[in-house]
């Protein structure tokens, strides 16, 4: 069937996925601003917010809605190559290149947060909660890499934005809108996408909150 003749709006992204996406955008911007302006106490709390969001996203990648799960969009090199050649049938959710972008951003953010948790500032006052488990020298190295990885993340975010603009201009895909209202146009008959129980959502929120709290306490009671 020609994709231009019949396109049906399909609700792809659930509310938790969309809310998490925009909270991550806000938390990332807040982390950048607090880090550059020297508001290290606020920077610490923005990092905790990012940590909680990451924990939830990883959980949601295994137990969330069908499209949000990693198994739904992770693809191998052959599938990516077929997509680049135009030999890939559209499916709801991320395309193979989009999946690479998501995993890259998520993985690098995990590294960024982990480094921040062990980082030690020059005077040793505003340090990560887990810095007590490493030496001052190791903590300083973590802090330096924390800055470096963040710069790499900025480039990846910029590339991500450029890709979104490219898909909007040249492919007519409104990816930003889809992440706001949750719907994307899909050629042909819309697929059946099962929903997730509220219990799984609550479990994910509680798990993310508990792990984040434990980290802020350096796993000490």
C-alpha atoms as a PDB file:
ATOM      1  CA  UNK A   1       0.000   0.000   0.000  1.00  0.00           C
ATOM      2  CA  UNK A   2       1.306   3.477  -0.866  1.00  0.00           C
ATOM      3  CA  UNK A   3       2.124   5.349   2.332  1.00  0.00           C
ATOM      4  CA  UNK A   4       0.751   8.582   0.852  1.00  0.00           C
ATOM      5  CA  UNK A   5      -2.726   7.177   0.192  1.00  0.00           C
ATOM      6  CA  UNK A   6      -3.692   5.958   3.630  1.00  0.00           C
ATOM      7  CA  UNK A   7      -2.117   7.109   6.863  1.00  0.00           C
ATOM      8  CA  UNK A   8      -3.837   6.499  10.174  1.00  0.00           C
ATOM      9  CA  UNK A   9      -2.979   8.311  13.422  1.00  0.00           C
ATOM     10  CA  UNK A  10      -1.809   5.774  15.989  1.00  0.00           C
ATOM     11  CA  UNK A  11      -1.228   6.484  19.666  1.00  0.00           C
ATOM     12  CA  UNK A  12       2.359   5.323  20.030  1.00  0.00           C
ATOM     13  CA  UNK A  13       3.881   7.040  23.064  1.00  0.00           C
ATOM     14  CA  UNK A  14       2.221   6.592  26.429  1.00  0.00           C
ATOM     15  CA  UNK A  15       1.944   9.377  28.992  1.00  0.00           C
ATOM     16  CA  UNK A  16       4.855   8.168  31.188  1.00  0.00           C
ATOM     17  CA  UNK A  17       7.215   8.038  28.193  1.00  0.00           C
ATOM     18  CA  UNK A  18       6.222  11.507  27.012  1.00  0.00           C
ATOM     19  CA  UNK A  19       6.362  13.031  30.483  1.00  0.00           C
ATOM     20  CA  UNK A  20       9.736  11.443  31.137  1.00  0.00           C
ATOM     21  CA  UNK A  21      11.083  12.790  27.831  1.00  0.00           C
ATOM     22  CA  UNK A  22      10.172  16.400  28.612  1.00  0.00           C
ATOM     23  CA  UNK A  23      11.274  16.142  32.233  1.00  0.00           C
ATOM     24  CA  UNK A  24      14.631  14.907  30.976  1.00  0.00           C
ATOM     25  CA  UNK A  25      14.854  17.879  28.616  1.00  0.00           C
ATOM     26  CA  UNK A  26      14.110  20.261  31.500  1.00  0.00           C
ATOM     27  CA  UNK A  27      16.509  18.493  33.877  1.00  0.00           C
ATOM     28  CA  UNK A  28      19.277  18.501  31.271  1.00  0.00           C
ATOM     29  CA  UNK A  29      18.825  22.240  30.686  1.00  0.00           C
ATOM     30  CA  UNK A  30      18.785  22.885  34.430  1.00  0.00           C
ATOM     31  CA  UNK A  31      21.958  20.844  34.901  1.00  0.00           C
ATOM     32  CA  UNK A  32      23.685  22.814  32.164  1.00  0.00           C
ATOM     33  CA  UNK A  33      22.642  26.182  33.624  1.00  0.00           C
ATOM     34  CA  UNK A  34      23.489  25.347  37.231  1.00  0.00           C
ATOM     35  CA  UNK A  35      26.829  23.843  36.223  1.00  0.00           C
ATOM     36  CA  UNK A  36      27.867  26.800  34.070  1.00  0.00           C
ATOM     37  CA  UNK A  37      26.686  29.389  36.606  1.00  0.00           C
ATOM     38  CA  UNK A  38      28.393  27.708  39.566  1.00  0.00           C
ATOM     39  CA  UNK A  39      25.170  26.960  41.454  1.00  0.00           C
ATOM     40  CA  UNK A  40      26.544  23.635  42.605  1.00  0.00           C
ATOM     41  CA  UNK A  41      23.883  22.911  45.230  1.00  0.00           C
ATOM     42  CA  UNK A  42      21.170  23.245  42.590  1.00  0.00           C
ATOM     43  CA  UNK A  43      23.371  21.297  40.188  1.00  0.00           C
ATOM     44  CA  UNK A  44      23.465  18.436  42.665  1.00  0.00           C
ATOM     45  CA  UNK A  45      19.676  18.312  42.892  1.00  0.00           C
ATOM     46  CA  UNK A  46      19.240  18.519  39.124  1.00  0.00           C
ATOM     47  CA  UNK A  47      21.605  15.550  38.906  1.00  0.00           C
ATOM     48  CA  UNK A  48      19.453  13.619  41.354  1.00  0.00           C
ATOM     49  CA  UNK A  49      16.436  14.374  39.172  1.00  0.00           C
ATOM     50  CA  UNK A  50      18.255  13.053  36.098  1.00  0.00           C
ATOM     51  CA  UNK A  51      19.261   9.944  38.055  1.00  0.00           C
ATOM     52  CA  UNK A  52      15.671   9.221  39.030  1.00  0.00           C
ATOM     53  CA  UNK A  53      14.487   9.699  35.455  1.00  0.00           C
ATOM     54  CA  UNK A  54      17.185   7.370  34.137  1.00  0.00           C
ATOM     55  CA  UNK A  55      16.299   4.643  36.616  1.00  0.00           C
ATOM     56  CA  UNK A  56      12.650   4.904  35.627  1.00  0.00           C
ATOM     57  CA  UNK A  57      13.489   4.855  31.891  1.00  0.00           C
ATOM     58  CA  UNK A  58      15.580   1.724  32.268  1.00  0.00           C
ATOM     59  CA  UNK A  59      12.777   0.076  34.229  1.00  0.00           C
ATOM     60  CA  UNK A  60      10.232   1.241  31.640  1.00  0.00           C
ATOM     61  CA  UNK A  61      12.446  -0.168  28.905  1.00  0.00           C
ATOM     62  CA  UNK A  62      11.776  -3.647  30.268  1.00  0.00           C
ATOM     63  CA  UNK A  63       8.341  -3.422  31.901  1.00  0.00           C
ATOM     64  CA  UNK A  64       6.674  -0.435  30.221  1.00  0.00           C
ATOM     65  CA  UNK A  65       4.416  -0.157  27.200  1.00  0.00           C
ATOM     66  CA  UNK A  66       5.142  -2.238  24.114  1.00  0.00           C
ATOM     67  CA  UNK A  67       6.738   0.571  22.084  1.00  0.00           C
ATOM     68  CA  UNK A  68       8.747   1.975  25.001  1.00  0.00           C
ATOM     69  CA  UNK A  69      10.523  -1.338  25.655  1.00  0.00           C
ATOM     70  CA  UNK A  70      14.078  -1.739  24.415  1.00  0.00           C
ATOM     71  CA  UNK A  71      13.179  -4.986  22.705  1.00  0.00           C
ATOM     72  CA  UNK A  72      10.702  -3.097  20.518  1.00  0.00           C
ATOM     73  CA  UNK A  73      13.220  -0.773  18.884  1.00  0.00           C
ATOM     74  CA  UNK A  74      16.748  -2.108  19.339  1.00  0.00           C
ATOM     75  CA  UNK A  75      17.977  -3.377  15.988  1.00  0.00           C
ATOM     76  CA  UNK A  76      21.182  -4.882  14.650  1.00  0.00           C
ATOM     77  CA  UNK A  77      23.563  -3.479  12.002  1.00  0.00           C
ATOM     78  CA  UNK A  78      21.796  -5.292   9.169  1.00  0.00           C
ATOM     79  CA  UNK A  79      18.450  -3.675   9.964  1.00  0.00           C
ATOM     80  CA  UNK A  80      20.105  -0.268  10.229  1.00  0.00           C
ATOM     81  CA  UNK A  81      21.761  -0.814   6.849  1.00  0.00           C
ATOM     82  CA  UNK A  82      18.433  -1.834   5.291  1.00  0.00           C
ATOM     83  CA  UNK A  83      16.812   1.280   6.733  1.00  0.00           C
ATOM     84  CA  UNK A  84      19.487   3.478   5.161  1.00  0.00           C
ATOM     85  CA  UNK A  85      18.878   1.741   1.821  1.00  0.00           C
ATOM     86  CA  UNK A  86      15.145   2.323   2.111  1.00  0.00           C
ATOM     87  CA  UNK A  87      14.365  -1.370   2.572  1.00  0.00           C
ATOM     88  CA  UNK A  88      12.654  -1.069   5.913  1.00  0.00           C
ATOM     89  CA  UNK A  89       8.907  -1.288   6.541  1.00  0.00           C
ATOM     90  CA  UNK A  90       7.718   1.502   8.868  1.00  0.00           C
ATOM     91  CA  UNK A  91       6.600   0.448  12.341  1.00  0.00           C
ATOM     92  CA  UNK A  92       5.289   2.491  15.279  1.00  0.00           C
ATOM     93  CA  UNK A  93       7.981   3.907  17.516  1.00  0.00           C
ATOM     94  CA  UNK A  94      11.638   4.583  16.817  1.00  0.00           C
ATOM     95  CA  UNK A  95      13.198   3.787  13.490  1.00  0.00           C
ATOM     96  CA  UNK A  96      16.596   2.003  13.615  1.00  0.00           C
ATOM     97  CA  UNK A  97      18.607   5.245  13.548  1.00  0.00           C
ATOM     98  CA  UNK A  98      16.352   6.827  16.144  1.00  0.00           C
ATOM     99  CA  UNK A  99      16.925   3.802  18.361  1.00  0.00           C
ATOM    100  CA  UNK A 100      20.686   4.301  18.099  1.00  0.00           C
ATOM    101  CA  UNK A 101      20.230   7.926  19.114  1.00  0.00           C
ATOM    102  CA  UNK A 102      18.074   7.017  22.102  1.00  0.00           C
ATOM    103  CA  UNK A 103      20.481   4.375  23.380  1.00  0.00           C
ATOM    104  CA  UNK A 104      23.468   6.641  22.794  1.00  0.00           C
ATOM    105  CA  UNK A 105      21.933   9.526  24.719  1.00  0.00           C
ATOM    106  CA  UNK A 106      20.696   7.267  27.506  1.00  0.00           C
ATOM    107  CA  UNK A 107      24.006   5.427  27.854  1.00  0.00           C
ATOM    108  CA  UNK A 108      26.093   8.600  27.875  1.00  0.00           C
ATOM    109  CA  UNK A 109      23.747  10.189  30.397  1.00  0.00           C
ATOM    110  CA  UNK A 110      24.239   7.177  32.669  1.00  0.00           C
ATOM    111  CA  UNK A 111      28.008   7.692  32.425  1.00  0.00           C
ATOM    112  CA  UNK A 112      27.598  11.432  33.046  1.00  0.00           C
ATOM    113  CA  UNK A 113      25.520  10.941  36.182  1.00  0.00           C
ATOM    114  CA  UNK A 114      27.779   8.191  37.512  1.00  0.00           C
ATOM    115  CA  UNK A 115      30.820  10.438  37.157  1.00  0.00           C
ATOM    116  CA  UNK A 116      29.002  13.238  38.928  1.00  0.00           C
ATOM    117  CA  UNK A 117      28.158  11.004  41.862  1.00  0.00           C
ATOM    118  CA  UNK A 118      31.865  10.336  42.461  1.00  0.00           C
ATOM    119  CA  UNK A 119      33.132  13.789  41.482  1.00  0.00           C
ATOM    120  CA  UNK A 120      35.020  16.009  43.937  1.00  0.00           C
ATOM    121  CA  UNK A 121      35.324  19.762  43.459  1.00  0.00           C
ATOM    122  CA  UNK A 122      38.561  21.642  44.035  1.00  0.00           C
ATOM    123  CA  UNK A 123      37.888  22.554  47.668  1.00  0.00           C
ATOM    124  CA  UNK A 124      36.122  19.286  48.440  1.00  0.00           C
ATOM    125  CA  UNK A 125      32.929  20.982  49.664  1.00  0.00           C
ATOM    126  CA  UNK A 126      30.396  20.400  46.878  1.00  0.00           C
ATOM    127  CA  UNK A 127      31.153  16.798  45.975  1.00  0.00           C
ATOM    128  CA  UNK A 128      29.054  13.894  44.787  1.00  0.00           C
ATOM    129  CA  UNK A 129      27.406  11.724  47.447  1.00  0.00           C
ATOM    130  CA  UNK A 130      29.508   8.678  46.506  1.00  0.00           C
ATOM    131  CA  UNK A 131      32.804  10.588  46.531  1.00  0.00           C
ATOM    132  CA  UNK A 132      33.483   9.285  50.032  1.00  0.00           C
ATOM    133  CA  UNK A 133      34.198   5.894  48.464  1.00  0.00           C
ATOM    134  CA  UNK A 134      37.079   7.187  46.304  1.00  0.00           C
ATOM    135  CA  UNK A 135      40.258   9.158  46.879  1.00  0.00           C
ATOM    136  CA  UNK A 136      40.455  12.904  46.317  1.00  0.00           C
ATOM    137  CA  UNK A 137      42.540  12.344  43.177  1.00  0.00           C
ATOM    138  CA  UNK A 138      40.044   9.854  41.751  1.00  0.00           C
ATOM    139  CA  UNK A 139      37.202  12.221  42.572  1.00  0.00           C
ATOM    140  CA  UNK A 140      38.961  15.040  40.718  1.00  0.00           C
ATOM    141  CA  UNK A 141      39.431  12.807  37.666  1.00  0.00           C
ATOM    142  CA  UNK A 142      35.722  11.952  37.813  1.00  0.00           C
ATOM    143  CA  UNK A 143      34.909  15.669  37.951  1.00  0.00           C
ATOM    144  CA  UNK A 144      37.054  16.394  34.905  1.00  0.00           C
ATOM    145  CA  UNK A 145      35.473  13.585  32.919  1.00  0.00           C
ATOM    146  CA  UNK A 146      32.068  14.754  34.147  1.00  0.00           C
ATOM    147  CA  UNK A 147      32.675  18.059  32.366  1.00  0.00           C
ATOM    148  CA  UNK A 148      34.055  16.379  29.239  1.00  0.00           C
ATOM    149  CA  UNK A 149      31.199  13.902  28.874  1.00  0.00           C
ATOM    150  CA  UNK A 150      28.683  16.712  29.295  1.00  0.00           C
ATOM    151  CA  UNK A 151      30.249  18.553  26.362  1.00  0.00           C
ATOM    152  CA  UNK A 152      29.896  15.386  24.270  1.00  0.00           C
ATOM    153  CA  UNK A 153      26.270  15.127  25.374  1.00  0.00           C
ATOM    154  CA  UNK A 154      25.656  18.682  24.184  1.00  0.00           C
ATOM    155  CA  UNK A 155      26.902  17.706  20.720  1.00  0.00           C
ATOM    156  CA  UNK A 156      24.707  14.610  20.678  1.00  0.00           C
ATOM    157  CA  UNK A 157      21.678  16.628  21.757  1.00  0.00           C
ATOM    158  CA  UNK A 158      22.407  19.125  18.995  1.00  0.00           C
ATOM    159  CA  UNK A 159      22.669  16.292  16.459  1.00  0.00           C
ATOM    160  CA  UNK A 160      19.411  14.872  17.799  1.00  0.00           C
ATOM    161  CA  UNK A 161      17.670  18.218  17.240  1.00  0.00           C
ATOM    162  CA  UNK A 162      19.090  18.503  13.715  1.00  0.00           C
ATOM    163  CA  UNK A 163      17.803  14.998  12.923  1.00  0.00           C
ATOM    164  CA  UNK A 164      14.328  15.907  14.180  1.00  0.00           C
ATOM    165  CA  UNK A 165      14.333  19.009  11.976  1.00  0.00           C
ATOM    166  CA  UNK A 166      15.510  16.943   8.980  1.00  0.00           C
ATOM    167  CA  UNK A 167      12.690  14.431   9.401  1.00  0.00           C
ATOM    168  CA  UNK A 168      10.186  17.295   9.663  1.00  0.00           C
ATOM    169  CA  UNK A 169      11.399  19.117   6.547  1.00  0.00           C
ATOM    170  CA  UNK A 170      12.294  16.223   4.243  1.00  0.00           C
ATOM    171  CA  UNK A 171      10.101  13.374   5.484  1.00  0.00           C
ATOM    172  CA  UNK A 172       7.140  15.301   6.837  1.00  0.00           C
ATOM    173  CA  UNK A 173       7.302  13.483  10.182  1.00  0.00           C
ATOM    174  CA  UNK A 174       6.223  15.597  13.150  1.00  0.00           C
ATOM    175  CA  UNK A 175       8.331  13.940  15.821  1.00  0.00           C
ATOM    176  CA  UNK A 176       8.029  16.774  18.339  1.00  0.00           C
ATOM    177  CA  UNK A 177       4.254  16.748  18.085  1.00  0.00           C
ATOM    178  CA  UNK A 178       4.207  12.982  18.522  1.00  0.00           C
ATOM    179  CA  UNK A 179       6.100  13.337  21.777  1.00  0.00           C
ATOM    180  CA  UNK A 180       3.516  15.895  22.937  1.00  0.00           C
ATOM    181  CA  UNK A 181       0.225  14.208  22.076  1.00  0.00           C
ATOM    182  CA  UNK A 182       1.552  10.665  21.638  1.00  0.00           C
ATOM    183  CA  UNK A 183       0.246  10.021  18.111  1.00  0.00           C
ATOM    184  CA  UNK A 184       2.072   9.307  14.859  1.00  0.00           C
ATOM    185  CA  UNK A 185       0.660   8.669  11.417  1.00  0.00           C
ATOM    186  CA  UNK A 186       1.100   5.094  10.276  1.00  0.00           C
ATOM    187  CA  UNK A 187       0.506   3.718   6.764  1.00  0.00           C
ATOM    188  CA  UNK A 188      -2.271   1.203   6.395  1.00  0.00           C
ATOM    189  CA  UNK A 189      -4.212  -0.366   9.233  1.00  0.00           C
ATOM    190  CA  UNK A 190      -3.058   0.723  12.709  1.00  0.00           C
ATOM    191  CA  UNK A 191      -1.410  -2.038  14.744  1.00  0.00           C
ATOM    192  CA  UNK A 192      -2.796  -3.175  18.071  1.00  0.00           C
ATOM    193  CA  UNK A 193      -0.701  -1.753  20.913  1.00  0.00           C
ATOM    194  CA  UNK A 194      -1.468  -3.191  24.361  1.00  0.00           C
ATOM    195  CA  UNK A 195      -1.591  -0.895  27.363  1.00  0.00           C
ATOM    196  CA  UNK A 196       0.272  -1.248  30.657  1.00  0.00           C
ATOM    197  CA  UNK A 197      -1.353  -1.523  34.058  1.00  0.00           C
ATOM    198  CA  UNK A 198      -1.087   1.358  36.526  1.00  0.00           C
ATOM    199  CA  UNK A 199       0.569  -1.036  38.965  1.00  0.00           C
ATOM    200  CA  UNK A 200       3.689  -1.255  36.788  1.00  0.00           C
ATOM    201  CA  UNK A 201       3.822   2.522  36.580  1.00  0.00           C
ATOM    202  CA  UNK A 202       3.607   2.906  40.358  1.00  0.00           C
ATOM    203  CA  UNK A 203       6.275   0.241  40.857  1.00  0.00           C
ATOM    204  CA  UNK A 204       8.582   2.079  38.459  1.00  0.00           C
ATOM    205  CA  UNK A 205       8.088   5.417  40.211  1.00  0.00           C
ATOM    206  CA  UNK A 206       8.676   3.911  43.649  1.00  0.00           C
ATOM    207  CA  UNK A 207      11.765   2.045  42.425  1.00  0.00           C
ATOM    208  CA  UNK A 208      13.258   5.181  40.871  1.00  0.00           C
ATOM    209  CA  UNK A 209      12.537   7.209  43.997  1.00  0.00           C
ATOM    210  CA  UNK A 210      13.996   4.546  46.300  1.00  0.00           C
ATOM    211  CA  UNK A 211      17.224   4.117  44.329  1.00  0.00           C
ATOM    212  CA  UNK A 212      17.703   7.873  44.017  1.00  0.00           C
ATOM    213  CA  UNK A 213      17.164   8.314  47.765  1.00  0.00           C
ATOM    214  CA  UNK A 214      19.659   5.557  48.544  1.00  0.00           C
ATOM    215  CA  UNK A 215      22.254   7.212  46.326  1.00  0.00           C
ATOM    216  CA  UNK A 216      21.742  10.609  47.959  1.00  0.00           C
ATOM    217  CA  UNK A 217      22.394   8.885  51.296  1.00  0.00           C
ATOM    218  CA  UNK A 218      25.494   7.160  49.866  1.00  0.00           C
ATOM    219  CA  UNK A 219      23.750   3.867  50.753  1.00  0.00           C
ATOM    220  CA  UNK A 220      24.194   4.683  54.434  1.00  0.00           C
ATOM    221  CA  UNK A 221      21.412   4.632  56.982  1.00  0.00           C
END
